[in-house]
Every structure is written in structure tokens, then in C-alpha cells.
């Protein structure tokens, strides 16, 4: 059985505190399932898209996508952090790792 993924409320990355918040209005306004704000050090996720509740797996995948953005930013990889194809692949690799690890 796959491990349950728990999205943290915050974590440290490169010495900075990263906050994770849920804000459906913000996501709707930006037409996104999630956003990584490099300046404010916030990952914003939503639980609803176009008046439909998102599946937990969709929220988790979005979290890892936004986490990939933050990881690349913390490493100073400015070109890669904006490369959505690369970020999506890295996020999905992190998601797969987290779901499949055995403890």
C-alpha cells in the first residue's frame, strides 16, 4: 500500500521558511491549481477548481510541482525554475518517490 502523503504547513529550504497555504480564491484569480511565490516564500494550493473539488492526488501532485519550483529557486537555477516541462517531471518524480517509499 502506498504511503499517505501529508503536505506540511511549513518547512525550511536554503535557510528560508516556506509557508504552505490553501486559498481557492487566489488560485481562481490566477487560474492555477497552485503557485510558488519566490519573493514571499509561499506555496499556495487550492482544493477546488472551476467549482469542482480536487482529488487528493491532484492536490499532492500540485504540491510537488510547486515544491520543485521552490527547490530550483533555492539552488539558484533561475532558468530551470521557469521551465514548466522540467518542473513537472521533477515534481512527478518527487511525488512517485514519496508515494512508493517503504519505511
C-alpha atoms as a PDB file:
ATOM      1  CA  UNK A   1       0.000   0.000   0.000  1.00  0.00           C
ATOM      2  CA  UNK A   2       1.300   3.468  -0.883  1.00  0.00           C
ATOM      3  CA  UNK A   3       2.218   5.831   1.917  1.00  0.00           C
ATOM      4  CA  UNK A   4      -0.162   8.650   2.688  1.00  0.00           C
ATOM      5  CA  UNK A   5       1.320  11.989   1.708  1.00  0.00           C
ATOM      6  CA  UNK A   6       0.992  14.748   4.260  1.00  0.00           C
ATOM      7  CA  UNK A   7       1.509  18.261   2.969  1.00  0.00           C
ATOM      8  CA  UNK A   8       3.325  20.281   5.644  1.00  0.00           C
ATOM      9  CA  UNK A   9       2.184  23.699   6.826  1.00  0.00           C
ATOM     10  CA  UNK A  10       5.755  24.957   6.536  1.00  0.00           C
ATOM     11  CA  UNK A  11       9.364  23.847   6.081  1.00  0.00           C
ATOM     12  CA  UNK A  12      12.846  25.335   5.736  1.00  0.00           C
ATOM     13  CA  UNK A  13      14.682  25.474   2.430  1.00  0.00           C
ATOM     14  CA  UNK A  14      18.024  27.193   1.913  1.00  0.00           C
ATOM     15  CA  UNK A  15      17.636  28.790   5.331  1.00  0.00           C
ATOM     16  CA  UNK A  16      14.273  30.343   4.437  1.00  0.00           C
ATOM     17  CA  UNK A  17      10.924  29.434   5.942  1.00  0.00           C
ATOM     18  CA  UNK A  18       8.463  28.314   3.253  1.00  0.00           C
ATOM     19  CA  UNK A  19       4.765  28.550   4.146  1.00  0.00           C
ATOM     20  CA  UNK A  20       2.112  26.372   2.504  1.00  0.00           C
ATOM     21  CA  UNK A  21      -1.359  27.835   2.372  1.00  0.00           C
ATOM     22  CA  UNK A  22      -4.662  26.865   0.795  1.00  0.00           C
ATOM     23  CA  UNK A  23      -6.511  29.707  -0.934  1.00  0.00           C
ATOM     24  CA  UNK A  24      -9.105  28.816  -3.565  1.00  0.00           C
ATOM     25  CA  UNK A  25      -9.854  32.446  -4.428  1.00  0.00           C
ATOM     26  CA  UNK A  26      -6.187  33.203  -5.092  1.00  0.00           C
ATOM     27  CA  UNK A  27      -5.879  30.129  -7.311  1.00  0.00           C
ATOM     28  CA  UNK A  28      -9.050  31.023  -9.224  1.00  0.00           C
ATOM     29  CA  UNK A  29      -7.816  34.574  -9.731  1.00  0.00           C
ATOM     30  CA  UNK A  30      -4.505  33.283 -11.133  1.00  0.00           C
ATOM     31  CA  UNK A  31      -6.175  30.378 -12.987  1.00  0.00           C
ATOM     32  CA  UNK A  32      -3.829  27.842 -11.424  1.00  0.00           C
ATOM     33  CA  UNK A  33      -4.018  24.805  -9.165  1.00  0.00           C
ATOM     34  CA  UNK A  34      -1.040  26.113  -7.236  1.00  0.00           C
ATOM     35  CA  UNK A  35       1.609  28.813  -7.231  1.00  0.00           C
ATOM     36  CA  UNK A  36       5.108  29.206  -5.838  1.00  0.00           C
ATOM     37  CA  UNK A  37       5.900  32.773  -4.758  1.00  0.00           C
ATOM     38  CA  UNK A  38       9.688  33.040  -4.621  1.00  0.00           C
ATOM     39  CA  UNK A  39       9.675  36.524  -3.074  1.00  0.00           C
ATOM     40  CA  UNK A  40       7.170  35.835  -0.294  1.00  0.00           C
ATOM     41  CA  UNK A  41       8.368  32.211   0.147  1.00  0.00           C
ATOM     42  CA  UNK A  42       4.827  30.854  -0.050  1.00  0.00           C
ATOM     43  CA  UNK A  43       3.339  27.871  -1.864  1.00  0.00           C
ATOM     44  CA  UNK A  44      -0.368  28.416  -2.453  1.00  0.00           C
ATOM     45  CA  UNK A  45      -2.556  25.409  -3.246  1.00  0.00           C
ATOM     46  CA  UNK A  46      -6.240  25.064  -3.957  1.00  0.00           C
ATOM     47  CA  UNK A  47      -8.749  22.358  -3.175  1.00  0.00           C
ATOM     48  CA  UNK A  48     -11.352  23.483  -5.734  1.00  0.00           C
ATOM     49  CA  UNK A  49     -11.030  24.213  -9.456  1.00  0.00           C
ATOM     50  CA  UNK A  50     -13.934  25.542 -11.527  1.00  0.00           C
ATOM     51  CA  UNK A  51     -16.364  24.734  -8.688  1.00  0.00           C
ATOM     52  CA  UNK A  52     -15.216  21.088  -8.525  1.00  0.00           C
ATOM     53  CA  UNK A  53     -13.418  19.620  -5.552  1.00  0.00           C
ATOM     54  CA  UNK A  54      -9.960  18.350  -6.499  1.00  0.00           C
ATOM     55  CA  UNK A  55      -8.894  14.795  -5.736  1.00  0.00           C
ATOM     56  CA  UNK A  56      -6.293  14.425  -3.000  1.00  0.00           C
ATOM     57  CA  UNK A  57      -3.898  13.010  -5.611  1.00  0.00           C
ATOM     58  CA  UNK A  58      -4.275  16.182  -7.725  1.00  0.00           C
ATOM     59  CA  UNK A  59      -3.529  18.380  -4.716  1.00  0.00           C
ATOM     60  CA  UNK A  60      -0.491  16.271  -3.825  1.00  0.00           C
ATOM     61  CA  UNK A  61       0.853  16.357  -7.395  1.00  0.00           C
ATOM     62  CA  UNK A  62       0.397  20.131  -7.461  1.00  0.00           C
ATOM     63  CA  UNK A  63       2.256  20.425  -4.142  1.00  0.00           C
ATOM     64  CA  UNK A  64       5.250  18.520  -5.516  1.00  0.00           C
ATOM     65  CA  UNK A  65       5.195  20.612  -8.701  1.00  0.00           C
ATOM     66  CA  UNK A  66       5.325  23.822  -6.645  1.00  0.00           C
ATOM     67  CA  UNK A  67       7.943  22.296  -4.336  1.00  0.00           C
ATOM     68  CA  UNK A  68      10.106  21.607  -7.410  1.00  0.00           C
ATOM     69  CA  UNK A  69       9.855  25.314  -8.311  1.00  0.00           C
ATOM     70  CA  UNK A  70      10.984  26.243  -4.784  1.00  0.00           C
ATOM     71  CA  UNK A  71      13.844  23.719  -4.776  1.00  0.00           C
ATOM     72  CA  UNK A  72      15.194  25.062  -8.055  1.00  0.00           C
ATOM     73  CA  UNK A  73      14.846  28.653  -6.841  1.00  0.00           C
ATOM     74  CA  UNK A  74      16.752  27.838  -3.633  1.00  0.00           C
ATOM     75  CA  UNK A  75      19.546  26.349  -5.767  1.00  0.00           C
ATOM     76  CA  UNK A  76      19.782  29.470  -7.912  1.00  0.00           C
ATOM     77  CA  UNK A  77      18.588  27.589 -11.010  1.00  0.00           C
ATOM     78  CA  UNK A  78      16.680  30.550 -12.407  1.00  0.00           C
ATOM     79  CA  UNK A  79      16.220  29.199 -15.931  1.00  0.00           C
ATOM     80  CA  UNK A  80      15.102  25.766 -14.740  1.00  0.00           C
ATOM     81  CA  UNK A  81      12.628  27.110 -12.169  1.00  0.00           C
ATOM     82  CA  UNK A  82      10.633  28.642 -15.050  1.00  0.00           C
ATOM     83  CA  UNK A  83      10.875  25.547 -17.287  1.00  0.00           C
ATOM     84  CA  UNK A  84       7.400  24.070 -16.733  1.00  0.00           C
ATOM     85  CA  UNK A  85       8.190  20.796 -18.522  1.00  0.00           C
ATOM     86  CA  UNK A  86      11.271  20.192 -16.359  1.00  0.00           C
ATOM     87  CA  UNK A  87       9.468  21.292 -13.193  1.00  0.00           C
ATOM     88  CA  UNK A  88       6.539  18.969 -13.936  1.00  0.00           C
ATOM     89  CA  UNK A  89       8.863  15.994 -14.461  1.00  0.00           C
ATOM     90  CA  UNK A  90      10.815  16.749 -11.279  1.00  0.00           C
ATOM     91  CA  UNK A  91       7.593  17.222  -9.309  1.00  0.00           C
ATOM     92  CA  UNK A  92       6.200  13.914 -10.562  1.00  0.00           C
ATOM     93  CA  UNK A  93       9.470  12.132  -9.685  1.00  0.00           C
ATOM     94  CA  UNK A  94       9.259  13.520  -6.132  1.00  0.00           C
ATOM     95  CA  UNK A  95       5.592  12.507  -5.930  1.00  0.00           C
ATOM     96  CA  UNK A  96       6.382   8.967  -7.109  1.00  0.00           C
ATOM     97  CA  UNK A  97       9.233   8.669  -4.625  1.00  0.00           C
ATOM     98  CA  UNK A  98       7.051   9.844  -1.748  1.00  0.00           C
ATOM     99  CA  UNK A  99       4.198   7.501  -2.637  1.00  0.00           C
ATOM    100  CA  UNK A 100       6.330   4.410  -3.193  1.00  0.00           C
ATOM    101  CA  UNK A 101       8.931   4.555  -0.417  1.00  0.00           C
ATOM    102  CA  UNK A 102       8.845   1.791   2.148  1.00  0.00           C
ATOM    103  CA  UNK A 103       9.529   2.547   5.793  1.00  0.00           C
END
